Amino acid sequence: MTLHLCQAGYEAFLVKELGGAAEKAGAGWVLGPEGAGEPCFAHVSMKAPVEVAGKSLNALAGAMADHFAASARGERFDAPWPFCVESAGEAGLSRRAKTAAEECLARVRGRMSRVARLAVRGRPGLGPARGLFAYLPDFGRAYVARDAVFGGQKRMADDPQAPSRSYLKIEEAYGIIGREPAEGETVADLGAAPGGWSYSAAKRGALVVAVDNGPLKGGAVHPGIEHRAEDAFKYAPEKEAAWLFCDMVEDPDRVTDLLARWLDRGWCRRFIVNLKFARRDPLRVLRGALALRSRCSLLRARHLFHDREELTLVGERAILRA
């Protein structure tokens, strides 16, 4: 079994994505099958978790440390390793998880001082990792695992100059694709207003064409941003853009078709696109988006920490070799 962590309120979508099977579930977590590929709604997937219990905080932390010590017997630790303890959203539980983490690491330090010095607190970056991962679904127990896969989602710091909170989504999405716009790169931002995504690229030195009939606001009035008051669905770039951004409140099928057109015509090399599912079945929206894989050398779909009823696609266009 695998313990999948997700944004609270989206557990049912994650269960459907995993094939409709769940052994246990709660607010922000699902214990079920591993799932195929990279689950969109899973932020973290802890593999083969062991459930430990403890009526007191010390007993719980001790059980976590015992599991690590037993499973690490004979294992070499030559590099920093991740140590991550999280919890469900119940009032006061995050404070208990933080204290349990401190006590657990102190116990590991008492048994394996050199290994404990290599521990790095918090979530690692995108992809698989081996370390010590624990999740408290309530006050009396924890799921503990040594291996986990991280989807790359995380809370981002706000920027008071950003024109809108959608800025947080694009900042988070850079971690999913593994890069961000560089100085001098061109960005086509479709449906740009009020300009949070354009601002994010321009502050890195990118040259942005912001396409929207609506006005840009605040930091999006920037020398690196050219505003074009045009229909984003009709806009065609004069030359290939390094990036396509698109965050429009539109039918997700229509936006997927728009992305397909940009890929087929070679109008962009990379893309970050949001698909609003609202009252639609998000799994059907996801399947439609993943049908673009044949056009891409990289395609990832994520329900971001800063997403609500939407999915975020990131990827790179496949370049055909002569």
C-alpha atoms as a PDB file:
ATOM      1  CA  MET A   1       0.000   0.000   0.000  1.00  0.00           C
ATOM      2  CA  THR A   2       0.960   3.654  -0.422  1.00  0.00           C
ATOM      3  CA  LEU A   3      -0.058   6.674   1.645  1.00  0.00           C
ATOM      4  CA  HIS A   4      -0.912   9.547  -0.672  1.00  0.00           C
ATOM      5  CA  LEU A   5      -1.150  13.098   0.666  1.00  0.00           C
ATOM      6  CA  CYS A   6      -3.266  15.633  -1.199  1.00  0.00           C
ATOM      7  CA  GLN A   7      -4.999  18.963  -0.741  1.00  0.00           C
ATOM      8  CA  ALA A   8      -7.843  18.596   1.758  1.00  0.00           C
ATOM      9  CA  GLY A   9     -11.200  18.322   0.027  1.00  0.00           C
ATOM     10  CA  TYR A  10      -9.832  16.581  -3.067  1.00  0.00           C
ATOM     11  CA  GLU A  11      -9.483  13.073  -1.642  1.00  0.00           C
ATOM     12  CA  ALA A  12     -12.377  11.679  -3.725  1.00  0.00           C
ATOM     13  CA  PHE A  13     -10.678  12.790  -6.951  1.00  0.00           C
ATOM     14  CA  LEU A  14      -7.421  11.158  -5.851  1.00  0.00           C
ATOM     15  CA  VAL A  15      -9.244   7.903  -5.059  1.00  0.00           C
ATOM     16  CA  LYS A  16     -10.792   7.922  -8.555  1.00  0.00           C
ATOM     17  CA  GLU A  17      -7.365   8.586 -10.058  1.00  0.00           C
ATOM     18  CA  LEU A  18      -5.993   5.565  -8.161  1.00  0.00           C
ATOM     19  CA  GLY A  19      -8.678   3.360  -9.709  1.00  0.00           C
ATOM     20  CA  GLY A  20     -11.408   3.815  -7.122  1.00  0.00           C
ATOM     21  CA  ALA A  21      -9.709   1.774  -4.379  1.00  0.00           C
ATOM     22  CA  ALA A  22      -8.862   3.089  -0.919  1.00  0.00           C
ATOM     23  CA  GLU A  23      -8.217   1.104   2.260  1.00  0.00           C
ATOM     24  CA  LYS A  24      -8.497   4.168   4.496  1.00  0.00           C
ATOM     25  CA  ALA A  25      -8.869   7.905   3.944  1.00  0.00           C
ATOM     26  CA  GLY A  26      -9.124  11.147   5.867  1.00  0.00           C
ATOM     27  CA  ALA A  27      -8.842  14.891   5.341  1.00  0.00           C
ATOM     28  CA  GLY A  28      -5.859  15.308   3.020  1.00  0.00           C
ATOM     29  CA  TRP A  29      -4.755  11.664   2.814  1.00  0.00           C
ATOM     30  CA  VAL A  30      -5.625   8.358   1.165  1.00  0.00           C
ATOM     31  CA  LEU A  31      -4.155   4.926   1.927  1.00  0.00           C
ATOM     32  CA  GLY A  32      -4.480   2.863  -1.217  1.00  0.00           C
ATOM     33  CA  PRO A  33      -2.660   1.404  -4.221  1.00  0.00           C
ATOM     34  CA  GLU A  34       0.482   3.017  -5.576  1.00  0.00           C
ATOM     35  CA  GLY A  35      -1.209   4.213  -8.776  1.00  0.00           C
ATOM     36  CA  ALA A  36       0.162   4.328 -12.289  1.00  0.00           C
ATOM     37  CA  GLY A  37       2.545   7.026 -13.459  1.00  0.00           C
ATOM     38  CA  GLU A  38       2.556  10.281 -11.474  1.00  0.00           C
ATOM     39  CA  PRO A  39      -0.807  10.874  -9.773  1.00  0.00           C
ATOM     40  CA  CYS A  40      -1.992  14.398 -10.461  1.00  0.00           C
ATOM     41  CA  PHE A  41      -3.770  14.914  -7.136  1.00  0.00           C
ATOM     42  CA  ALA A  42      -1.057  13.366  -4.928  1.00  0.00           C
ATOM     43  CA  HIS A  43       1.430  15.821  -3.440  1.00  0.00           C
ATOM     44  CA  VAL A  44       3.420  13.076  -1.684  1.00  0.00           C
ATOM     45  CA  SER A  45       3.228   9.280  -2.009  1.00  0.00           C
ATOM     46  CA  MET A  46       4.792   7.417   0.934  1.00  0.00           C
ATOM     47  CA  LYS A  47       5.586   3.852  -0.086  1.00  0.00           C
ATOM     48  CA  ALA A  48       4.910   0.827   2.149  1.00  0.00           C
ATOM     49  CA  PRO A  49       4.076   2.904   5.236  1.00  0.00           C
ATOM     50  CA  VAL A  50       4.059   1.304   8.669  1.00  0.00           C
ATOM     51  CA  GLU A  51       1.415   2.480  11.125  1.00  0.00           C
ATOM     52  CA  VAL A  52       2.770   3.138  14.615  1.00  0.00           C
ATOM     53  CA  ALA A  53       0.809   4.218  17.687  1.00  0.00           C
ATOM     54  CA  GLY A  54       1.566   6.054  20.899  1.00  0.00           C
ATOM     55  CA  LYS A  55      -0.730   7.466  23.554  1.00  0.00           C
ATOM     56  CA  SER A  56       1.890  10.060  24.510  1.00  0.00           C
ATOM     57  CA  LEU A  57       4.011  12.238  22.253  1.00  0.00           C
ATOM     58  CA  ASN A  58       7.187  10.587  23.558  1.00  0.00           C
ATOM     59  CA  ALA A  59       5.808   7.127  22.798  1.00  0.00           C
ATOM     60  CA  LEU A  60       4.862   8.181  19.264  1.00  0.00           C
ATOM     61  CA  ALA A  61       8.251   9.776  18.580  1.00  0.00           C
ATOM     62  CA  GLY A  62       9.965   6.714  20.032  1.00  0.00           C
ATOM     63  CA  ALA A  63       8.051   4.386  17.716  1.00  0.00           C
ATOM     64  CA  MET A  64       9.035   6.538  14.723  1.00  0.00           C
ATOM     65  CA  ALA A  65      12.695   6.462  15.748  1.00  0.00           C
ATOM     66  CA  ASP A  66      12.553   2.710  16.386  1.00  0.00           C
ATOM     67  CA  HIS A  67      11.235   2.096  12.872  1.00  0.00           C
ATOM     68  CA  PHE A  68      14.021   4.185  11.358  1.00  0.00           C
ATOM     69  CA  ALA A  69      16.745   2.502  13.386  1.00  0.00           C
ATOM     70  CA  ALA A  70      15.509  -0.991  12.541  1.00  0.00           C
ATOM     71  CA  SER A  71      15.074  -0.304   8.828  1.00  0.00           C
ATOM     72  CA  ALA A  72      18.417   1.527   8.558  1.00  0.00           C
ATOM     73  CA  ARG A  73      20.458  -1.295  10.089  1.00  0.00           C
ATOM     74  CA  GLY A  74      23.388  -1.969   7.768  1.00  0.00           C
ATOM     75  CA  GLU A  75      22.491   0.965   5.472  1.00  0.00           C
ATOM     76  CA  ARG A  76      25.224   3.453   4.489  1.00  0.00           C
ATOM     77  CA  PHE A  77      24.551   7.179   4.928  1.00  0.00           C
ATOM     78  CA  ASP A  78      27.169   9.135   2.991  1.00  0.00           C
ATOM     79  CA  ALA A  79      25.071  12.149   1.999  1.00  0.00           C
ATOM     80  CA  PRO A  80      22.301  14.358   3.393  1.00  0.00           C
ATOM     81  CA  TRP A  81      18.945  12.599   3.653  1.00  0.00           C
ATOM     82  CA  PRO A  82      15.425  14.058   3.979  1.00  0.00           C
ATOM     83  CA  PHE A  83      13.520  13.987   7.263  1.00  0.00           C
ATOM     84  CA  CYS A  84       9.910  15.079   6.889  1.00  0.00           C
ATOM     85  CA  VAL A  85       7.069  14.895   9.424  1.00  0.00           C
ATOM     86  CA  GLU A  86       3.653  16.271   8.480  1.00  0.00           C
ATOM     87  CA  SER A  87       0.087  16.033   9.755  1.00  0.00           C
ATOM     88  CA  ALA A  88      -3.579  16.311   8.885  1.00  0.00           C
ATOM     89  CA  GLY A  89      -5.248  19.679   9.390  1.00  0.00           C
ATOM     90  CA  GLU A  90      -6.858  19.007  12.763  1.00  0.00           C
ATOM     91  CA  ALA A  91      -6.437  21.907  15.221  1.00  0.00           C
ATOM     92  CA  GLY A  92      -3.181  21.602  17.164  1.00  0.00           C
ATOM     93  CA  LEU A  93      -1.991  18.565  15.251  1.00  0.00           C
ATOM     94  CA  SER A  94       0.679  20.401  13.248  1.00  0.00           C
ATOM     95  CA  ARG A  95       2.250  21.554  16.519  1.00  0.00           C
ATOM     96  CA  ARG A  96       2.254  17.965  17.778  1.00  0.00           C
ATOM     97  CA  ALA A  97       3.872  16.811  14.517  1.00  0.00           C
ATOM     98  CA  LYS A  98       6.597  19.449  14.854  1.00  0.00           C
ATOM     99  CA  THR A  99       7.357  18.435  18.443  1.00  0.00           C
ATOM    100  CA  ALA A 100       7.252  14.730  17.535  1.00  0.00           C
ATOM    101  CA  ALA A 101       9.757  15.401  14.751  1.00  0.00           C
ATOM    102  CA  GLU A 102      12.143  17.144  17.146  1.00  0.00           C
ATOM    103  CA  GLU A 103      11.874  14.332  19.691  1.00  0.00           C
ATOM    104  CA  CYS A 104      12.254  11.636  17.024  1.00  0.00           C
ATOM    105  CA  LEU A 105      15.407  13.225  15.620  1.00  0.00           C
ATOM    106  CA  ALA A 106      16.827  13.601  19.142  1.00  0.00           C
ATOM    107  CA  ARG A 107      16.341   9.861  19.673  1.00  0.00           C
ATOM    108  CA  VAL A 108      17.970   9.046  16.337  1.00  0.00           C
ATOM    109  CA  ARG A 109      20.843  11.328  17.327  1.00  0.00           C
ATOM    110  CA  GLY A 110      21.272   9.375  20.550  1.00  0.00           C
ATOM    111  CA  ARG A 111      21.663   6.098  18.633  1.00  0.00           C
ATOM    112  CA  MET A 112      23.225   7.228  15.326  1.00  0.00           C
ATOM    113  CA  SER A 113      24.804  10.648  15.860  1.00  0.00           C
ATOM    114  CA  ARG A 114      26.664  10.831  12.528  1.00  0.00           C
ATOM    115  CA  VAL A 115      23.555   9.761  10.587  1.00  0.00           C
ATOM    116  CA  ALA A 116      21.375  12.299  12.430  1.00  0.00           C
ATOM    117  CA  ARG A 117      23.768  15.126  11.505  1.00  0.00           C
ATOM    118  CA  LEU A 118      23.062  14.404   7.836  1.00  0.00           C
ATOM    119  CA  ALA A 119      19.283  14.798   8.229  1.00  0.00           C
ATOM    120  CA  VAL A 120      17.680  17.671   6.270  1.00  0.00           C
ATOM    121  CA  ARG A 121      14.317  18.807   7.610  1.00  0.00           C
ATOM    122  CA  GLY A 122      11.348  19.361   5.260  1.00  0.00           C
ATOM    123  CA  ARG A 123      10.148  18.109   1.908  1.00  0.00           C
ATOM    124  CA  PRO A 124      12.802  17.404  -0.722  1.00  0.00           C
ATOM    125  CA  GLY A 125      12.310  18.414  -4.342  1.00  0.00           C
ATOM    126  CA  LEU A 126      10.436  16.714  -7.159  1.00  0.00           C
ATOM    127  CA  GLY A 127      10.773  12.944  -7.537  1.00  0.00           C
ATOM    128  CA  PRO A 128      11.680   9.875  -5.428  1.00  0.00           C
ATOM    129  CA  ALA A 129      13.594  10.177  -2.179  1.00  0.00           C
ATOM    130  CA  ARG A 130      14.820   7.901   0.609  1.00  0.00           C
ATOM    131  CA  GLY A 131      14.980   9.115   4.182  1.00  0.00           C
ATOM    132  CA  LEU A 132      12.439   9.184   7.010  1.00  0.00           C
ATOM    133  CA  PHE A 133       8.897  10.345   6.325  1.00  0.00           C
ATOM    134  CA  ALA A 134       6.041  10.398   8.810  1.00  0.00           C
ATOM    135  CA  TYR A 135       2.445  11.580   8.681  1.00  0.00           C
ATOM    136  CA  LEU A 136       0.130  12.032  11.662  1.00  0.00           C
ATOM    137  CA  PRO A 137      -3.540  11.534  10.662  1.00  0.00           C
ATOM    138  CA  ASP A 138      -4.550  12.127  14.298  1.00  0.00           C
ATOM    139  CA  PHE A 139      -2.995  12.601  17.751  1.00  0.00           C
ATOM    140  CA  GLY A 140      -2.416   8.933  18.563  1.00  0.00           C
ATOM    141  CA  ARG A 141      -0.744   7.427  15.516  1.00  0.00           C
ATOM    142  CA  ALA A 142       1.568   8.022  12.580  1.00  0.00           C
ATOM    143  CA  TYR A 143       2.332   6.423   9.249  1.00  0.00           C
ATOM    144  CA  VAL A 144       6.094   6.042   8.807  1.00  0.00           C
ATOM    145  CA  ALA A 145       7.980   5.230   5.588  1.00  0.00           C
ATOM    146  CA  ARG A 146      11.542   5.259   4.309  1.00  0.00           C
ATOM    147  CA  ASP A 147      10.719   5.871   0.636  1.00  0.00           C
ATOM    148  CA  ALA A 148       8.456   8.502  -0.884  1.00  0.00           C
ATOM    149  CA  VAL A 149       7.776  10.227  -4.193  1.00  0.00           C
ATOM    150  CA  PHE A 150       7.211  13.979  -4.190  1.00  0.00           C
ATOM    151  CA  GLY A 151       5.042  15.667  -6.819  1.00  0.00           C
ATOM    152  CA  GLY A 152       6.765  19.021  -6.400  1.00  0.00           C
ATOM    153  CA  GLN A 153       3.816  20.936  -4.931  1.00  0.00           C
ATOM    154  CA  LYS A 154       4.582  23.433  -2.171  1.00  0.00           C
ATOM    155  CA  ARG A 155       3.420  26.681  -0.606  1.00  0.00           C
ATOM    156  CA  MET A 156       5.006  29.738  -2.238  1.00  0.00           C
ATOM    157  CA  ALA A 157       5.862  33.116  -0.719  1.00  0.00           C
ATOM    158  CA  ASP A 158       3.700  35.989  -1.883  1.00  0.00           C
ATOM    159  CA  ASP A 159       5.093  39.078  -3.614  1.00  0.00           C
ATOM    160  CA  PRO A 160       3.325  42.338  -2.684  1.00  0.00           C
ATOM    161  CA  GLN A 161       4.079  43.721  -6.156  1.00  0.00           C
ATOM    162  CA  ALA A 162       2.273  40.859  -7.934  1.00  0.00           C
ATOM    163  CA  PRO A 163      -1.025  41.964  -9.529  1.00  0.00           C
ATOM    164  CA  SER A 164      -2.945  38.874  -8.365  1.00  0.00           C
ATOM    165  CA  ARG A 165      -2.649  35.740  -6.238  1.00  0.00           C
ATOM    166  CA  SER A 166      -2.519  33.646  -9.427  1.00  0.00           C
ATOM    167  CA  TYR A 167       1.156  34.651  -9.325  1.00  0.00           C
ATOM    168  CA  LEU A 168       1.619  31.932  -6.670  1.00  0.00           C
ATOM    169  CA  LYS A 169       0.492  29.215  -9.105  1.00  0.00           C
ATOM    170  CA  ILE A 170       3.049  30.053 -11.766  1.00  0.00           C
ATOM    171  CA  GLU A 171       5.814  30.317  -9.159  1.00  0.00           C
ATOM    172  CA  GLU A 172       4.886  26.849  -7.878  1.00  0.00           C
ATOM    173  CA  ALA A 173       4.641  25.428 -11.410  1.00  0.00           C
ATOM    174  CA  TYR A 174       8.295  26.247 -12.152  1.00  0.00           C
ATOM    175  CA  GLY A 175       9.269  23.573  -9.645  1.00  0.00           C
ATOM    176  CA  ILE A 176       7.154  21.000 -11.494  1.00  0.00           C
ATOM    177  CA  ILE A 177       8.752  21.631 -14.880  1.00  0.00           C
ATOM    178  CA  GLY A 178      12.204  22.065 -13.311  1.00  0.00           C
ATOM    179  CA  ARG A 179      13.077  25.451 -14.765  1.00  0.00           C
ATOM    180  CA  GLU A 180      11.800  29.011 -15.111  1.00  0.00           C
ATOM    181  CA  PRO A 181      11.928  31.736 -17.761  1.00  0.00           C
ATOM    182  CA  ALA A 182      15.432  33.114 -18.187  1.00  0.00           C
ATOM    183  CA  GLU A 183      16.570  36.615 -18.976  1.00  0.00           C
ATOM    184  CA  GLY A 184      15.887  37.436 -22.627  1.00  0.00           C
ATOM    185  CA  GLU A 185      13.558  34.483 -23.237  1.00  0.00           C
ATOM    186  CA  THR A 186      10.214  35.232 -24.867  1.00  0.00           C
ATOM    187  CA  VAL A 187       6.913  34.419 -23.158  1.00  0.00           C
ATOM    188  CA  ALA A 188       3.420  34.500 -24.675  1.00  0.00           C
ATOM    189  CA  ASP A 189       0.895  34.892 -21.838  1.00  0.00           C
ATOM    190  CA  LEU A 190      -2.627  34.180 -23.114  1.00  0.00           C
ATOM    191  CA  GLY A 191      -5.480  35.554 -21.032  1.00  0.00           C
ATOM    192  CA  ALA A 192      -2.898  37.522 -19.073  1.00  0.00           C
ATOM    193  CA  ALA A 193      -5.046  40.053 -17.165  1.00  0.00           C
ATOM    194  CA  PRO A 194      -4.609  41.193 -14.480  1.00  0.00           C
ATOM    195  CA  GLY A 195      -1.012  40.085 -15.097  1.00  0.00           C
ATOM    196  CA  GLY A 196       0.299  37.868 -12.281  1.00  0.00           C
ATOM    197  CA  TRP A 197       1.933  35.359 -14.622  1.00  0.00           C
ATOM    198  CA  SER A 198       3.365  38.044 -16.905  1.00  0.00           C
ATOM    199  CA  TYR A 199       4.832  39.811 -13.887  1.00  0.00           C
ATOM    200  CA  SER A 200       6.466  36.566 -12.689  1.00  0.00           C
ATOM    201  CA  ALA A 201       8.282  36.121 -16.013  1.00  0.00           C
ATOM    202  CA  ALA A 202       9.170  39.787 -16.498  1.00  0.00           C
ATOM    203  CA  LYS A 203      10.789  40.123 -13.084  1.00  0.00           C
ATOM    204  CA  ARG A 204      13.209  37.372 -14.195  1.00  0.00           C
ATOM    205  CA  GLY A 205      14.154  39.415 -17.250  1.00  0.00           C
ATOM    206  CA  ALA A 206      11.966  37.595 -19.794  1.00  0.00           C
ATOM    207  CA  LEU A 207      10.259  39.491 -22.630  1.00  0.00           C
ATOM    208  CA  VAL A 208       6.507  38.993 -22.317  1.00  0.00           C
ATOM    209  CA  VAL A 209       3.659  39.481 -24.767  1.00  0.00           C
ATOM    210  CA  ALA A 210       0.561  39.672 -22.543  1.00  0.00           C
ATOM    211  CA  VAL A 211      -2.537  38.936 -24.608  1.00  0.00           C
ATOM    212  CA  ASP A 212      -5.889  39.929 -23.108  1.00  0.00           C
ATOM    213  CA  ASN A 213      -8.679  42.366 -23.894  1.00  0.00           C
ATOM    214  CA  GLY A 214      -8.742  43.224 -20.190  1.00  0.00           C
ATOM    215  CA  PRO A 215      -6.326  45.666 -18.505  1.00  0.00           C
ATOM    216  CA  LEU A 216      -3.110  44.759 -16.714  1.00  0.00           C
ATOM    217  CA  LYS A 217      -2.623  45.989 -13.172  1.00  0.00           C
ATOM    218  CA  GLY A 218       0.106  46.815 -10.675  1.00  0.00           C
ATOM    219  CA  GLY A 219       3.441  45.160 -11.319  1.00  0.00           C
ATOM    220  CA  ALA A 220       2.302  43.925 -14.746  1.00  0.00           C
ATOM    221  CA  VAL A 221       2.742  47.483 -16.039  1.00  0.00           C
ATOM    222  CA  HIS A 222       6.385  46.674 -16.607  1.00  0.00           C
ATOM    223  CA  PRO A 223       8.940  47.594 -19.322  1.00  0.00           C
ATOM    224  CA  GLY A 224       9.452  43.901 -20.079  1.00  0.00           C
ATOM    225  CA  ILE A 225       5.749  43.354 -20.785  1.00  0.00           C
ATOM    226  CA  GLU A 226       4.004  44.259 -24.042  1.00  0.00           C
ATOM    227  CA  HIS A 227       0.229  44.280 -23.628  1.00  0.00           C
ATOM    228  CA  ARG A 228      -1.842  43.332 -26.666  1.00  0.00           C
ATOM    229  CA  ALA A 229      -5.602  43.833 -26.369  1.00  0.00           C
ATOM    230  CA  GLU A 230      -6.554  40.835 -28.505  1.00  0.00           C
ATOM    231  CA  ASP A 231      -8.531  37.594 -28.323  1.00  0.00           C
ATOM    232  CA  ALA A 232      -6.152  35.021 -26.830  1.00  0.00           C
ATOM    233  CA  PHE A 233      -7.699  32.208 -28.901  1.00  0.00           C
ATOM    234  CA  LYS A 234      -6.998  34.079 -32.154  1.00  0.00           C
ATOM    235  CA  TYR A 235      -3.522  35.326 -31.329  1.00  0.00           C
ATOM    236  CA  ALA A 236      -0.641  33.916 -33.421  1.00  0.00           C
ATOM    237  CA  PRO A 237       2.976  34.779 -32.554  1.00  0.00           C
ATOM    238  CA  GLU A 238       5.333  36.209 -35.162  1.00  0.00           C
ATOM    239  CA  LYS A 239       7.970  33.645 -34.165  1.00  0.00           C
ATOM    240  CA  GLU A 240       8.410  30.737 -31.770  1.00  0.00           C
ATOM    241  CA  ALA A 241       8.137  31.695 -28.093  1.00  0.00           C
ATOM    242  CA  ALA A 242      10.314  30.050 -25.480  1.00  0.00           C
ATOM    243  CA  TRP A 243       7.249  29.778 -23.205  1.00  0.00           C
ATOM    244  CA  LEU A 244       3.480  29.649 -23.481  1.00  0.00           C
ATOM    245  CA  PHE A 245       1.549  30.675 -20.359  1.00  0.00           C
ATOM    246  CA  CYS A 246      -2.231  30.291 -20.204  1.00  0.00           C
ATOM    247  CA  ASP A 247      -4.526  30.755 -17.204  1.00  0.00           C
ATOM    248  CA  MET A 248      -8.023  31.507 -18.500  1.00  0.00           C
ATOM    249  CA  VAL A 249     -11.467  30.883 -17.036  1.00  0.00           C
ATOM    250  CA  GLU A 250     -12.558  28.931 -20.109  1.00  0.00           C
ATOM    251  CA  ASP A 251     -13.840  25.503 -21.103  1.00  0.00           C
ATOM    252  CA  PRO A 252     -10.898  23.136 -20.392  1.00  0.00           C
ATOM    253  CA  ASP A 253     -11.416  21.265 -23.674  1.00  0.00           C
ATOM    254  CA  ARG A 254     -11.125  24.534 -25.563  1.00  0.00           C
ATOM    255  CA  VAL A 255      -7.902  25.390 -23.706  1.00  0.00           C
ATOM    256  CA  THR A 256      -6.489  21.894 -24.374  1.00  0.00           C
ATOM    257  CA  ASP A 257      -7.251  22.359 -28.082  1.00  0.00           C
ATOM    258  CA  LEU A 258      -5.497  25.733 -27.949  1.00  0.00           C
ATOM    259  CA  LEU A 259      -2.390  24.137 -26.439  1.00  0.00           C
ATOM    260  CA  ALA A 260      -2.477  21.376 -29.079  1.00  0.00           C
ATOM    261  CA  ARG A 261      -2.529  24.014 -31.824  1.00  0.00           C
ATOM    262  CA  TRP A 262       0.477  25.821 -30.359  1.00  0.00           C
ATOM    263  CA  LEU A 263       2.388  22.546 -30.118  1.00  0.00           C
ATOM    264  CA  ASP A 264       1.475  21.381 -33.622  1.00  0.00           C
ATOM    265  CA  ARG A 265       2.482  24.702 -35.181  1.00  0.00           C
ATOM    266  CA  GLY A 266       5.736  24.929 -33.237  1.00  0.00           C
ATOM    267  CA  TRP A 267       4.756  28.224 -31.621  1.00  0.00           C
ATOM    268  CA  CYS A 268       6.282  27.422 -28.197  1.00  0.00           C
ATOM    269  CA  ARG A 269       9.024  25.257 -26.709  1.00  0.00           C
ATOM    270  CA  ARG A 270       7.675  25.018 -23.153  1.00  0.00           C
ATOM    271  CA  PHE A 271       4.327  25.647 -21.564  1.00  0.00           C
ATOM    272  CA  ILE A 272       2.484  26.155 -18.297  1.00  0.00           C
ATOM    273  CA  VAL A 273      -1.286  25.923 -18.743  1.00  0.00           C
ATOM    274  CA  ASN A 274      -4.160  25.827 -16.260  1.00  0.00           C
ATOM    275  CA  LEU A 275      -7.367  23.875 -16.924  1.00  0.00           C
ATOM    276  CA  LYS A 276     -10.427  24.846 -14.853  1.00  0.00           C
ATOM    277  CA  PHE A 277     -12.628  21.824 -14.167  1.00  0.00           C
ATOM    278  CA  ALA A 278     -15.232  23.388 -11.789  1.00  0.00           C
ATOM    279  CA  ARG A 279     -18.340  21.174 -12.140  1.00  0.00           C
ATOM    280  CA  ARG A 280     -16.750  18.917 -14.754  1.00  0.00           C
ATOM    281  CA  ASP A 281     -15.224  15.527 -14.016  1.00  0.00           C
ATOM    282  CA  PRO A 282     -11.544  16.394 -13.402  1.00  0.00           C
ATOM    283  CA  LEU A 283     -10.445  12.886 -14.402  1.00  0.00           C
ATOM    284  CA  ARG A 284     -11.996  13.342 -17.833  1.00  0.00           C
ATOM    285  CA  VAL A 285     -10.265  16.731 -18.139  1.00  0.00           C
ATOM    286  CA  LEU A 286      -7.009  15.079 -17.060  1.00  0.00           C
ATOM    287  CA  ARG A 287      -7.328  12.270 -19.621  1.00  0.00           C
ATOM    288  CA  GLY A 288      -7.929  14.810 -22.382  1.00  0.00           C
ATOM    289  CA  ALA A 289      -4.837  16.744 -21.371  1.00  0.00           C
ATOM    290  CA  LEU A 290      -2.614  13.661 -21.143  1.00  0.00           C
ATOM    291  CA  ALA A 291      -3.606  12.761 -24.707  1.00  0.00           C
ATOM    292  CA  LEU A 292      -1.092  15.465 -25.688  1.00  0.00           C
ATOM    293  CA  ARG A 293       1.823  13.245 -24.575  1.00  0.00           C
ATOM    294  CA  SER A 294       2.671  12.269 -28.152  1.00  0.00           C
ATOM    295  CA  ARG A 295       3.352  15.942 -28.907  1.00  0.00           C
ATOM    296  CA  CYS A 296       5.627  16.441 -25.888  1.00  0.00           C
ATOM    297  CA  SER A 297       9.055  15.365 -24.707  1.00  0.00           C
ATOM    298  CA  LEU A 298       7.852  16.194 -21.185  1.00  0.00           C
ATOM    299  CA  LEU A 299       4.297  16.489 -19.858  1.00  0.00           C
ATOM    300  CA  ARG A 300       3.272  16.644 -16.201  1.00  0.00           C
ATOM    301  CA  ALA A 301      -0.144  17.336 -14.714  1.00  0.00           C
ATOM    302  CA  ARG A 302      -0.489  18.461 -11.104  1.00  0.00           C
ATOM    303  CA  HIS A 303      -3.107  19.719  -8.712  1.00  0.00           C
ATOM    304  CA  LEU A 304      -0.933  22.397  -7.150  1.00  0.00           C
ATOM    305  CA  PHE A 305      -0.930  23.568  -3.555  1.00  0.00           C
ATOM    306  CA  HIS A 306      -2.242  26.919  -4.872  1.00  0.00           C
ATOM    307  CA  ASP A 307      -4.760  25.367  -7.297  1.00  0.00           C
ATOM    308  CA  ARG A 308      -8.422  25.079  -6.470  1.00  0.00           C
ATOM    309  CA  GLU A 309     -10.835  23.553  -9.020  1.00  0.00           C
ATOM    310  CA  GLU A 310      -8.168  23.424 -11.697  1.00  0.00           C
ATOM    311  CA  LEU A 311      -5.245  21.370 -12.951  1.00  0.00           C
ATOM    312  CA  THR A 312      -1.880  22.690 -14.052  1.00  0.00           C
ATOM    313  CA  LEU A 313      -0.040  21.258 -17.063  1.00  0.00           C
ATOM    314  CA  VAL A 314       3.661  21.836 -17.608  1.00  0.00           C
ATOM    315  CA  GLY A 315       5.789  20.460 -20.402  1.00  0.00           C
ATOM    316  CA  GLU A 316       8.079  20.768 -23.374  1.00  0.00           C
ATOM    317  CA  ARG A 317       7.230  20.319 -27.028  1.00  0.00           C
ATOM    318  CA  ALA A 318       8.751  17.319 -28.774  1.00  0.00           C
ATOM    319  CA  ILE A 319      11.279  18.409 -31.395  1.00  0.00           C
ATOM    320  CA  LEU A 320      11.266  16.210 -34.491  1.00  0.00           C
ATOM    321  CA  ARG A 321      14.768  15.321 -35.698  1.00  0.00           C
ATOM    322  CA  ALA A 322      15.484  15.300 -39.423  1.00  0.00           C
END
